[in-house]
N, C-alpha and C. Protein backbone atom coordinates (compact mmCIF):
# COMPACT_ATOMS: atom_id res chain seq x y z
N MET A 1 0.90 -1.32 -0.18
CA MET A 1 0.09 -0.26 -0.10
C MET A 1 0.75 1.26 -0.17
N GLN A 2 0.40 1.67 -0.99
CA GLN A 2 1.39 3.51 -0.83
C GLN A 2 1.08 4.28 0.24
N ARG A 3 1.78 5.53 0.83
CA ARG A 3 1.62 5.94 1.86
C ARG A 3 1.42 7.58 1.33
N PRO A 4 0.24 8.32 1.76
CA PRO A 4 -0.07 9.22 1.46
C PRO A 4 1.10 10.21 1.43
N THR A 5 1.10 11.04 0.46
CA THR A 5 1.91 12.23 0.24
C THR A 5 1.47 13.10 1.49
N ARG A 6 2.67 14.49 1.42
CA ARG A 6 2.06 15.52 2.57
C ARG A 6 1.03 16.28 2.64
N ALA A 7 0.60 16.40 1.08
CA ALA A 7 -0.06 17.38 0.77
C ALA A 7 -2.06 16.42 1.38
N GLN A 8 -1.57 15.22 1.13
CA GLN A 8 -2.78 14.61 1.43
C GLN A 8 -2.85 14.12 2.62
N LEU A 9 -1.74 14.16 3.63
CA LEU A 9 -1.86 13.88 5.13
C LEU A 9 -2.39 15.30 5.34
N ASN A 10 -1.73 16.70 5.21
CA ASN A 10 -2.56 17.42 5.24
C ASN A 10 -4.34 18.13 4.83
N GLU A 11 -4.33 17.69 3.74
CA GLU A 11 -5.79 17.50 3.58
C GLU A 11 -6.80 17.03 4.51
N GLY A 12 -6.02 15.56 4.85
CA GLY A 12 -7.02 14.93 5.43
C GLY A 12 -7.25 15.48 6.86
N ILE A 13 -5.97 16.10 7.72
CA ILE A 13 -6.24 16.85 8.61
C ILE A 13 -6.75 18.05 8.63
N VAL A 14 -6.99 18.70 7.76
CA VAL A 14 -7.46 19.82 7.65
C VAL A 14 -9.16 19.50 7.64
N SER A 15 -9.40 18.58 7.10
CA SER A 15 -10.69 18.05 6.73
C SER A 15 -11.57 17.95 8.34
N THR A 16 -10.84 17.21 8.71
CA THR A 16 -11.51 16.62 10.46
C THR A 16 -11.04 17.42 11.30
N ALA A 17 -10.31 18.69 10.60
CA ALA A 17 -10.25 19.75 12.11
C ALA A 17 -11.76 20.82 11.50
N ALA A 18 -12.04 20.51 10.31
CA ALA A 18 -13.18 21.49 9.93
C ALA A 18 -14.44 20.70 10.40
N ARG A 19 -14.12 19.48 10.29
CA ARG A 19 -15.80 19.12 10.96
C ARG A 19 -15.52 18.82 12.12
N LEU A 20 -14.68 18.73 12.67
CA LEU A 20 -14.48 19.14 14.64
C LEU A 20 -15.31 20.60 15.00
N PHE A 21 -14.79 21.20 14.34
CA PHE A 21 -14.79 22.81 14.41
C PHE A 21 -16.00 22.91 14.04
N ALA A 22 -16.71 22.55 13.46
CA ALA A 22 -18.16 22.81 12.74
C ALA A 22 -19.12 22.09 13.37
N ARG A 23 -18.52 20.90 13.86
CA ARG A 23 -19.52 20.01 15.21
C ARG A 23 -19.41 20.39 16.19
N GLN A 24 -18.64 20.84 16.89
CA GLN A 24 -18.04 21.47 18.70
C GLN A 24 -18.14 22.58 18.68
N GLY A 25 -17.82 23.28 17.37
CA GLY A 25 -17.02 24.71 17.65
C GLY A 25 -15.91 24.67 18.12
N TYR A 26 -15.46 25.78 17.05
CA TYR A 26 -13.91 26.26 17.28
C TYR A 26 -13.29 26.02 18.52
N GLU A 27 -13.76 27.26 19.27
CA GLU A 27 -12.73 27.08 20.67
C GLU A 27 -13.18 25.58 21.62
N ALA A 28 -14.25 25.16 21.43
CA ALA A 28 -14.39 23.50 22.23
C ALA A 28 -13.47 22.77 21.51
N THR A 29 -12.57 22.64 20.26
CA THR A 29 -12.21 21.84 19.89
C THR A 29 -10.72 21.49 20.44
N LYS A 30 -9.94 20.80 20.69
CA LYS A 30 -8.80 20.77 21.04
C LYS A 30 -7.85 19.85 19.98
N LEU A 31 -6.58 20.19 20.20
CA LEU A 31 -6.35 19.46 19.38
C LEU A 31 -5.72 17.95 19.10
N GLN A 32 -5.73 18.02 20.32
CA GLN A 32 -5.92 16.35 21.05
C GLN A 32 -7.17 15.76 20.12
N GLN A 33 -8.17 16.66 20.24
CA GLN A 33 -8.91 15.70 19.73
C GLN A 33 -9.07 15.77 17.94
N ILE A 34 -8.42 16.57 17.79
CA ILE A 34 -7.99 16.39 16.17
C ILE A 34 -7.34 15.21 16.28
N ALA A 35 -5.81 15.15 16.60
CA ALA A 35 -4.86 14.15 16.43
C ALA A 35 -5.30 12.93 16.98
N GLU A 36 -6.33 12.38 17.82
CA GLU A 36 -6.47 11.35 18.66
C GLU A 36 -7.50 10.73 16.85
N GLU A 37 -8.24 11.78 16.44
CA GLU A 37 -9.66 11.46 15.44
C GLU A 37 -8.38 11.20 13.98
N MET A 38 -7.44 11.28 13.83
CA MET A 38 -6.55 11.80 12.65
C MET A 38 -5.70 9.81 13.23
N GLY A 39 -6.05 9.40 14.48
CA GLY A 39 -4.83 8.44 14.46
C GLY A 39 -3.27 9.01 15.15
N TYR A 40 -2.98 10.22 15.54
CA TYR A 40 -1.97 10.87 15.68
C TYR A 40 -1.44 11.57 16.98
N SER A 41 -0.38 11.32 17.23
CA SER A 41 -0.19 12.27 18.62
C SER A 41 -0.30 13.90 18.72
N LYS A 42 -0.50 14.71 19.45
CA LYS A 42 -0.22 15.91 19.00
C LYS A 42 0.83 16.55 18.79
N ALA A 43 1.68 15.85 18.62
CA ALA A 43 2.92 16.31 18.77
C ALA A 43 2.76 16.20 16.91
N ALA A 44 2.86 15.51 16.57
CA ALA A 44 2.72 14.62 14.87
C ALA A 44 2.12 15.60 14.18
N LEU A 45 0.71 16.17 15.06
CA LEU A 45 0.02 16.80 14.24
C LEU A 45 0.39 18.45 14.06
N LEU A 46 1.52 19.13 15.43
CA LEU A 46 1.86 19.96 15.45
C LEU A 46 3.11 20.41 14.51
N TYR A 47 3.20 19.19 14.12
CA TYR A 47 4.30 19.08 13.07
C TYR A 47 3.80 19.56 11.81
N HIS A 48 2.97 19.14 11.39
CA HIS A 48 2.22 19.69 10.36
C HIS A 48 1.40 20.64 10.23
N PHE A 49 0.97 21.32 11.55
CA PHE A 49 0.29 22.74 11.47
C PHE A 49 0.81 22.99 12.91
N LYS A 50 1.10 24.35 13.18
CA LYS A 50 2.11 25.04 13.87
C LYS A 50 1.00 25.38 15.16
N SER A 51 -0.41 25.43 14.85
CA SER A 51 -1.48 25.93 15.42
C SER A 51 -2.65 25.54 15.49
N LYS A 52 -3.72 25.55 16.61
CA LYS A 52 -5.12 25.47 15.85
C LYS A 52 -5.57 26.57 14.86
N GLU A 53 -4.53 27.96 15.36
CA GLU A 53 -5.48 29.02 14.29
C GLU A 53 -4.88 28.78 12.87
N SER A 54 -3.52 27.95 12.86
CA SER A 54 -3.07 27.76 11.09
C SER A 54 -4.21 26.73 10.55
N LEU A 55 -4.54 25.41 11.61
CA LEU A 55 -5.41 24.49 11.27
C LEU A 55 -6.82 25.63 10.06
N LEU A 56 -7.49 26.23 10.93
CA LEU A 56 -8.47 27.09 10.88
C LEU A 56 -8.42 28.12 9.63
N VAL A 57 -6.94 28.60 9.70
CA VAL A 57 -6.65 29.26 8.11
C VAL A 57 -6.65 28.42 6.92
N ALA A 58 -6.26 27.14 6.81
CA ALA A 58 -5.78 26.22 5.78
C ALA A 58 -7.62 25.28 5.48
N ALA A 59 -8.71 25.72 6.71
CA ALA A 59 -10.07 25.24 6.59
C ALA A 59 -10.26 26.10 5.81
N MET A 60 -10.57 27.18 5.94
CA MET A 60 -10.73 28.31 4.70
C MET A 60 -10.75 28.66 3.55
N GLU A 61 -9.29 27.96 3.27
CA GLU A 61 -8.64 28.36 1.94
C GLU A 61 -9.48 28.01 0.80
N PRO A 62 -9.36 26.68 0.69
CA PRO A 62 -10.41 25.98 -0.08
C PRO A 62 -11.72 26.40 -0.82
N PRO A 63 -12.98 26.78 0.01
CA PRO A 63 -13.59 27.45 0.05
C PRO A 63 -13.90 29.05 -0.51
N ALA A 64 -12.78 29.66 0.11
CA ALA A 64 -12.45 30.73 -0.41
C ALA A 64 -11.78 31.65 -1.65
N LEU A 65 -11.08 30.37 -2.10
CA LEU A 65 -10.60 30.12 -3.55
C LEU A 65 -11.10 29.47 -4.69
N ALA A 66 -12.13 28.47 -3.91
CA ALA A 66 -13.55 28.37 -4.94
C ALA A 66 -14.01 29.63 -5.30
N ALA A 67 -14.68 30.12 -4.44
CA ALA A 67 -15.44 31.66 -4.06
C ALA A 67 -14.97 32.41 -5.38
N GLU A 68 -13.67 32.95 -4.74
CA GLU A 68 -12.87 33.85 -5.80
C GLU A 68 -12.92 33.41 -7.32
N GLU A 69 -12.32 32.41 -7.91
CA GLU A 69 -12.42 32.02 -8.99
C GLU A 69 -13.39 31.78 -9.97
N LEU A 70 -14.96 30.91 -8.84
CA LEU A 70 -16.12 30.99 -9.43
C LEU A 70 -16.59 32.82 -9.68
N LEU A 71 -16.45 33.81 -8.91
CA LEU A 71 -16.55 35.21 -9.14
C LEU A 71 -16.01 35.38 -10.18
N GLU A 72 -14.71 35.09 -10.50
CA GLU A 72 -14.28 35.63 -11.86
C GLU A 72 -14.81 35.05 -13.44
N ASP A 73 -15.21 34.01 -12.96
CA ASP A 73 -16.15 33.51 -14.34
C ASP A 73 -17.49 34.04 -14.49
N LEU A 74 -18.40 33.63 -13.19
CA LEU A 74 -19.63 34.56 -13.22
C LEU A 74 -19.46 36.22 -13.49
N GLU A 75 -18.27 36.90 -13.24
CA GLU A 75 -18.24 38.50 -13.69
C GLU A 75 -17.89 38.86 -15.23
N GLY A 76 -17.86 37.63 -15.85
CA GLY A 76 -17.30 37.31 -17.37
C GLY A 76 -18.64 37.20 -18.22
N LEU A 77 -19.68 37.11 -17.19
CA LEU A 77 -21.29 36.39 -18.21
C LEU A 77 -22.10 37.77 -18.80
N SER A 78 -22.63 38.09 -19.46
CA SER A 78 -23.76 38.94 -20.04
C SER A 78 -24.41 39.07 -18.62
N ALA A 79 -24.77 40.59 -18.68
CA ALA A 79 -25.98 40.36 -17.44
C ALA A 79 -27.32 40.31 -17.80
N GLY A 80 -28.23 39.97 -16.95
CA GLY A 80 -29.59 39.21 -17.64
C GLY A 80 -29.90 38.19 -16.79
N PRO A 81 -31.27 37.65 -17.04
CA PRO A 81 -32.19 36.54 -16.32
C PRO A 81 -31.20 35.42 -16.52
N GLU A 82 -30.53 35.16 -17.51
CA GLU A 82 -29.75 34.03 -17.44
C GLU A 82 -28.79 33.48 -16.73
N ARG A 83 -27.98 34.93 -16.21
CA ARG A 83 -26.50 35.03 -15.75
C ARG A 83 -27.25 35.05 -14.47
N ASP A 84 -28.25 35.77 -13.88
CA ASP A 84 -29.05 35.27 -12.64
C ASP A 84 -28.80 34.01 -12.59
N ILE A 85 -29.59 33.27 -13.23
CA ILE A 85 -29.98 31.80 -12.70
C ILE A 85 -28.63 31.34 -12.68
N THR A 86 -27.56 31.68 -13.78
CA THR A 86 -26.46 30.39 -13.31
C THR A 86 -25.34 31.18 -11.96
N VAL A 87 -25.69 32.30 -11.57
CA VAL A 87 -25.14 32.77 -10.58
C VAL A 87 -25.79 32.18 -9.10
N ILE A 88 -27.09 32.17 -9.39
CA ILE A 88 -27.15 31.34 -8.24
C ILE A 88 -27.22 30.42 -8.22
N THR A 89 -27.33 29.68 -8.98
CA THR A 89 -27.00 27.93 -9.21
C THR A 89 -25.83 27.61 -8.31
N ARG A 90 -25.11 28.64 -9.41
CA ARG A 90 -23.69 28.00 -9.08
C ARG A 90 -23.00 28.39 -7.50
N LEU A 91 -23.62 29.81 -7.06
CA LEU A 91 -23.42 30.12 -5.57
C LEU A 91 -23.96 28.72 -4.73
N LEU A 92 -25.11 28.56 -5.09
CA LEU A 92 -25.60 26.73 -4.53
C LEU A 92 -24.93 25.64 -4.20
N ASP A 93 -24.54 25.39 -5.40
CA ASP A 93 -23.65 24.29 -5.13
C ASP A 93 -22.15 24.83 -4.63
N LEU A 94 -21.83 25.94 -4.95
CA LEU A 94 -20.78 26.01 -4.16
C LEU A 94 -20.83 26.11 -2.35
N ALA A 95 -22.07 26.29 -1.97
CA ALA A 95 -22.31 26.60 -0.58
C ALA A 95 -22.78 24.94 -0.14
N LEU A 96 -23.17 24.65 -1.01
CA LEU A 96 -23.28 23.15 -0.56
C LEU A 96 -22.18 21.98 -0.75
N GLU A 97 -21.15 22.34 -1.58
CA GLU A 97 -20.01 21.52 -1.32
C GLU A 97 -18.85 21.81 -0.68
N HIS A 98 -19.16 23.18 0.08
CA HIS A 98 -18.15 23.42 1.31
C HIS A 98 -19.21 23.93 2.19
N ARG A 99 -20.05 23.01 2.61
CA ARG A 99 -21.58 22.98 3.43
C ARG A 99 -20.67 23.01 5.03
N GLU A 100 -19.86 22.57 5.83
CA GLU A 100 -19.12 22.18 6.37
C GLU A 100 -17.93 23.13 6.91
N ARG A 101 -17.21 23.58 5.76
CA ARG A 101 -16.31 24.89 6.13
C ARG A 101 -17.39 26.06 6.17
N LEU A 102 -18.20 26.47 5.17
CA LEU A 102 -19.29 27.38 5.81
C LEU A 102 -19.98 27.31 7.28
N ILE A 103 -20.34 26.23 7.48
CA ILE A 103 -20.83 26.39 8.55
C ILE A 103 -19.76 26.97 9.74
N LEU A 104 -18.95 26.35 9.77
CA LEU A 104 -17.62 26.58 10.30
C LEU A 104 -17.57 28.79 10.22
N PHE A 105 -17.25 28.88 8.94
CA PHE A 105 -16.78 30.44 9.12
C PHE A 105 -18.03 30.64 9.51
N LEU A 106 -18.95 30.84 9.24
CA LEU A 106 -20.46 31.35 9.64
C LEU A 106 -20.55 31.81 11.40
N SER A 107 -20.04 30.42 11.94
CA SER A 107 -20.31 30.42 13.50
C SER A 107 -19.05 31.34 13.77
N LEU A 108 -18.13 31.90 13.51
CA LEU A 108 -16.71 32.18 14.10
C LEU A 108 -17.10 33.72 13.21
N ALA A 109 -17.94 34.11 12.52
CA ALA A 109 -18.01 35.23 11.41
C ALA A 109 -17.76 36.50 12.52
N GLY A 110 -18.57 36.57 13.60
CA GLY A 110 -18.43 37.52 14.89
C GLY A 110 -17.23 37.66 15.11
N SER A 111 -16.17 36.49 15.67
CA SER A 111 -15.25 37.05 16.52
C SER A 111 -14.41 36.75 15.73
N LEU A 112 -14.34 36.74 14.33
CA LEU A 112 -13.08 36.87 13.52
C LEU A 112 -12.55 38.45 13.19
N GLY A 113 -13.95 39.03 13.20
CA GLY A 113 -13.60 40.48 13.13
C GLY A 113 -13.08 40.79 11.93
N GLY A 114 -11.60 41.53 11.92
CA GLY A 114 -11.30 42.24 10.72
C GLY A 114 -10.03 41.26 10.36
N ALA A 115 -10.49 39.92 10.99
CA ALA A 115 -9.18 38.31 9.96
C ALA A 115 -9.28 38.65 8.78
N PRO A 116 -7.98 38.42 7.86
CA PRO A 116 -8.34 38.26 6.57
C PRO A 116 -9.29 37.66 6.30
N GLU A 117 -9.52 36.43 6.59
CA GLU A 117 -10.85 35.32 6.40
C GLU A 117 -12.06 36.13 6.23
N ALA A 118 -12.22 36.99 7.19
CA ALA A 118 -13.74 37.31 7.19
C ALA A 118 -14.05 38.56 6.35
N GLU A 119 -12.41 39.57 5.95
CA GLU A 119 -12.37 40.32 4.78
C GLU A 119 -12.47 39.63 3.55
N ARG A 120 -12.11 38.45 3.38
CA ARG A 120 -12.37 37.67 2.01
C ARG A 120 -13.43 37.26 2.11
N PHE A 121 -14.58 36.56 2.52
CA PHE A 121 -15.99 36.53 2.85
C PHE A 121 -16.65 38.04 2.11
N ALA A 122 -16.48 39.05 2.78
CA ALA A 122 -16.92 40.15 2.82
C ALA A 122 -16.78 40.69 1.46
N GLU A 123 -15.66 40.50 0.74
CA GLU A 123 -15.41 41.22 -0.58
C GLU A 123 -16.14 40.39 -1.56
N SER A 124 -16.27 38.69 -1.39
CA SER A 124 -17.19 37.80 -1.80
C SER A 124 -18.53 37.96 -1.99
N ALA A 125 -19.14 38.29 -0.53
CA ALA A 125 -20.30 38.73 -0.96
C ALA A 125 -20.61 40.14 -1.55
N ASP A 126 -20.14 41.48 -0.97
CA ASP A 126 -20.09 42.59 -1.86
C ASP A 126 -19.87 42.12 -3.65
N ARG A 127 -19.19 41.19 -4.12
CA ARG A 127 -19.52 40.89 -5.48
C ARG A 127 -20.31 39.89 -6.14
N VAL A 128 -20.61 39.28 -5.15
CA VAL A 128 -22.28 38.47 -5.75
C VAL A 128 -23.12 39.34 -5.17
N GLN A 129 -23.07 40.28 -4.65
CA GLN A 129 -24.48 41.39 -4.48
C GLN A 129 -24.63 42.30 -5.98
N ALA A 130 -23.08 42.69 -6.20
CA ALA A 130 -23.16 43.43 -7.74
C ALA A 130 -23.71 43.00 -8.67
N LEU A 131 -22.82 41.06 -9.24
CA LEU A 131 -23.80 41.05 -9.95
C LEU A 131 -25.47 40.30 -10.09
N LEU A 132 -25.81 40.30 -9.04
CA LEU A 132 -27.62 40.22 -8.56
C LEU A 132 -27.80 41.67 -8.63
N VAL A 133 -27.40 42.62 -8.17
CA VAL A 133 -27.97 43.94 -8.11
C VAL A 133 -27.41 45.23 -8.77
N PRO A 134 -27.58 45.11 -10.11
CA PRO A 134 -26.57 45.94 -11.30
C PRO A 134 -26.97 47.14 -10.34
N PRO A 135 -26.11 48.44 -10.77
CA PRO A 135 -26.22 49.66 -10.70
C PRO A 135 -27.59 50.38 -10.87
N GLY A 136 -28.04 51.02 -10.06
CA GLY A 136 -29.21 51.94 -10.39
C GLY A 136 -30.62 50.72 -10.30
N ALA A 137 -30.31 49.65 -9.81
CA ALA A 137 -31.73 48.64 -9.83
C ALA A 137 -32.54 49.39 -8.52
N PRO A 138 -33.99 48.81 -8.96
CA PRO A 138 -34.54 49.15 -7.92
C PRO A 138 -34.08 48.64 -6.07
N PHE A 139 -34.49 49.43 -5.34
CA PHE A 139 -34.34 48.73 -3.60
C PHE A 139 -34.99 47.45 -3.70
N GLU A 140 -36.21 47.57 -4.30
CA GLU A 140 -36.62 45.75 -3.75
C GLU A 140 -35.94 44.87 -4.74
N ARG A 141 -34.74 44.97 -5.98
CA ARG A 141 -34.50 44.00 -5.91
C ARG A 141 -32.69 43.90 -4.81
N ARG A 142 -32.25 44.98 -4.70
CA ARG A 142 -31.57 44.49 -3.11
C ARG A 142 -32.02 44.14 -2.00
N VAL A 143 -33.45 43.83 -1.56
CA VAL A 143 -33.65 43.33 -0.56
C VAL A 143 -34.26 42.28 -1.63
N GLN A 144 -34.74 41.48 -2.47
CA GLN A 144 -35.22 40.00 -2.98
C GLN A 144 -33.28 39.26 -2.91
N ALA A 145 -32.29 39.87 -3.30
CA ALA A 145 -30.53 39.90 -3.10
C ALA A 145 -30.71 39.23 -1.94
N ALA A 146 -30.72 40.26 -1.00
CA ALA A 146 -30.58 39.80 0.25
C ALA A 146 -31.31 38.58 0.97
N GLN A 147 -32.74 39.19 0.40
CA GLN A 147 -33.54 37.20 1.36
C GLN A 147 -33.01 36.40 0.18
N MET A 148 -32.46 36.02 -0.97
CA MET A 148 -32.07 34.91 -1.54
C MET A 148 -31.08 34.15 -0.75
N GLU A 149 -30.05 35.57 -0.42
CA GLU A 149 -28.61 34.82 0.07
C GLU A 149 -28.96 34.51 1.38
N GLY A 150 -29.34 35.21 2.14
CA GLY A 150 -30.25 35.06 3.83
C GLY A 150 -30.53 33.52 3.76
N GLY A 151 -31.57 33.66 3.10
CA GLY A 151 -32.37 32.45 2.87
C GLY A 151 -31.67 30.82 2.68
N MET A 152 -30.89 31.06 1.82
CA MET A 152 -29.81 30.27 1.41
C MET A 152 -29.02 29.45 2.11
N LEU A 153 -28.40 30.22 2.94
CA LEU A 153 -27.13 30.24 3.96
C LEU A 153 -28.25 29.45 5.19
N ALA A 154 -29.26 30.12 5.81
CA ALA A 154 -30.32 29.48 6.72
C ALA A 154 -30.19 27.86 6.27
N ALA A 155 -30.54 28.08 4.87
CA ALA A 155 -31.11 26.53 4.67
C ALA A 155 -30.41 25.42 4.68
N VAL A 156 -28.77 25.99 4.37
CA VAL A 156 -27.76 25.42 4.50
C VAL A 156 -27.19 24.84 5.72
N LEU A 157 -27.23 26.04 6.64
CA LEU A 157 -26.87 25.65 8.07
C LEU A 157 -28.18 24.66 8.62
N LYS A 158 -29.39 25.06 8.58
CA LYS A 158 -30.52 24.67 9.38
C LYS A 158 -30.31 22.72 9.06
N PHE A 159 -30.36 22.30 7.78
CA PHE A 159 -30.72 21.77 7.25
C PHE A 159 -29.39 20.73 7.04
N THR A 160 -28.56 20.63 7.97
CA THR A 160 -27.17 19.89 8.19
C THR A 160 -27.45 18.20 7.61
N ASP A 161 -28.86 17.68 8.64
CA ASP A 161 -28.52 15.91 8.16
C ASP A 161 -29.44 16.05 6.93
N VAL A 162 -29.91 16.54 6.10
CA VAL A 162 -30.01 16.33 4.67
C VAL A 162 -29.09 15.68 3.47
N ASP A 163 -29.46 15.15 3.19
CA ASP A 163 -28.16 14.66 1.63
C ASP A 163 -28.38 15.77 1.39
N ILE A 164 -27.53 16.38 0.51
CA ILE A 164 -26.98 17.74 -0.26
C ILE A 164 -27.92 17.67 -1.24
N ALA A 165 -27.85 16.28 -2.06
CA ALA A 165 -29.02 16.13 -3.67
C ALA A 165 -30.36 16.46 -3.13
N GLU A 166 -30.87 15.81 -2.05
CA GLU A 166 -32.04 16.02 -1.23
C GLU A 166 -32.06 17.52 -1.09
N LEU A 167 -31.39 18.33 -0.64
CA LEU A 167 -31.63 19.65 -0.57
C LEU A 167 -31.47 21.00 -1.35
N ARG A 168 -30.81 20.63 -2.65
CA ARG A 168 -30.40 21.39 -3.78
C ARG A 168 -31.41 21.58 -4.40
N GLU A 169 -31.98 21.00 -4.50
CA GLU A 169 -33.61 21.38 -5.89
C GLU A 169 -34.26 21.96 -5.11
N PRO A 170 -35.13 21.77 -3.76
CA PRO A 170 -35.94 23.06 -3.47
C PRO A 170 -35.60 23.88 -2.87
N LEU A 171 -34.48 24.04 -2.69
CA LEU A 171 -33.35 25.45 -1.84
C LEU A 171 -33.04 26.24 -3.45
N LEU A 172 -33.00 25.63 -4.27
CA LEU A 172 -32.67 26.51 -5.68
C LEU A 172 -34.19 26.80 -5.74
N ARG A 173 -34.75 26.03 -6.14
CA ARG A 173 -36.08 26.91 -6.71
C ARG A 173 -36.50 28.05 -5.72
N GLY A 174 -36.25 27.82 -4.25
CA GLY A 174 -37.04 28.90 -3.75
C GLY A 174 -36.00 29.92 -3.87
N ALA A 175 -34.69 29.87 -4.02
CA ALA A 175 -33.83 31.08 -4.54
C ALA A 175 -33.88 31.97 -5.53
N LEU A 176 -34.32 30.94 -6.68
CA LEU A 176 -34.80 31.60 -7.81
C LEU A 176 -36.07 32.52 -7.84
N ARG A 177 -36.91 31.77 -7.30
CA ARG A 177 -38.39 32.11 -6.82
C ARG A 177 -38.18 33.97 -6.21
N CYS A 178 -37.52 33.55 -5.09
CA CYS A 178 -36.84 34.99 -3.80
C CYS A 178 -36.64 36.15 -5.05
N MET A 179 -35.76 35.60 -5.98
CA MET A 179 -35.24 36.42 -7.03
C MET A 179 -36.06 36.94 -8.04
N GLY A 180 -37.16 36.30 -8.32
CA GLY A 180 -38.47 36.89 -9.64
C GLY A 180 -37.82 36.14 -10.67
N LEU A 181 -37.10 35.07 -10.75
CA LEU A 181 -37.03 34.39 -11.80
C LEU A 181 -37.48 32.94 -11.72
N ALA A 182 -37.66 32.20 -12.98
CA ALA A 182 -38.19 31.28 -13.30
C ALA A 182 -37.18 30.14 -13.16
N CYS A 183 -38.16 28.90 -12.65
CA CYS A 183 -36.95 27.40 -12.61
C CYS A 183 -36.86 27.26 -14.10
N ALA A 184 -35.36 27.65 -14.19
CA ALA A 184 -35.05 27.28 -16.03
C ALA A 184 -34.42 25.36 -16.11
N PRO A 185 -35.08 25.26 -17.38
CA PRO A 185 -34.42 23.58 -16.97
C PRO A 185 -32.84 23.41 -17.48
N GLU A 186 -32.35 24.17 -17.82
CA GLU A 186 -30.62 23.77 -17.19
C GLU A 186 -30.29 24.33 -16.39
N SER A 187 -31.20 24.80 -15.11
CA SER A 187 -30.62 24.91 -13.90
C SER A 187 -30.67 23.87 -12.86
N GLY A 188 -31.44 22.83 -13.54
CA GLY A 188 -31.69 21.75 -12.68
C GLY A 188 -32.74 21.55 -12.14
N ALA A 189 -33.55 22.76 -11.88
CA ALA A 189 -34.67 23.03 -10.79
C ALA A 189 -35.68 22.53 -11.67
């Protein structure tokens, strides 16, 4: 059997830490618990990651990078209802793909203050808002976008016991309705 690479070991540690942080809370999770879950000693864990904070930063990196790449793609699309449907669909898929880490981030959002992770999230949220609410759009459109984003996040957080495939379709239909968009066949809704 081939031994895992350092990158694979690190991703396993980060995934385990993110899962425990999301389930138990960041403050309540001890490095020893993460090490035990991985079958490592605490010293071995600290060889890979120097602190619990460095694990948190590593856990937030994949969804942050994925969001930035997605937004670059979406910002290149022509404005209109088709783009809005694509934006909502792909954002939902991103949120569901990184559900555990999103839960972790949102649980810590208030305590992160001006941390780089919080600033990246806020910048991404502003970019989403700019995609869905063009300059000069009526105030109602801003309200719809806020309701859609808030509802999407609330459902992703609330229904953690529901399989992603089961959650995706009703959540997508609701998000599209919230924005006054019909459920298009290509959206999968």
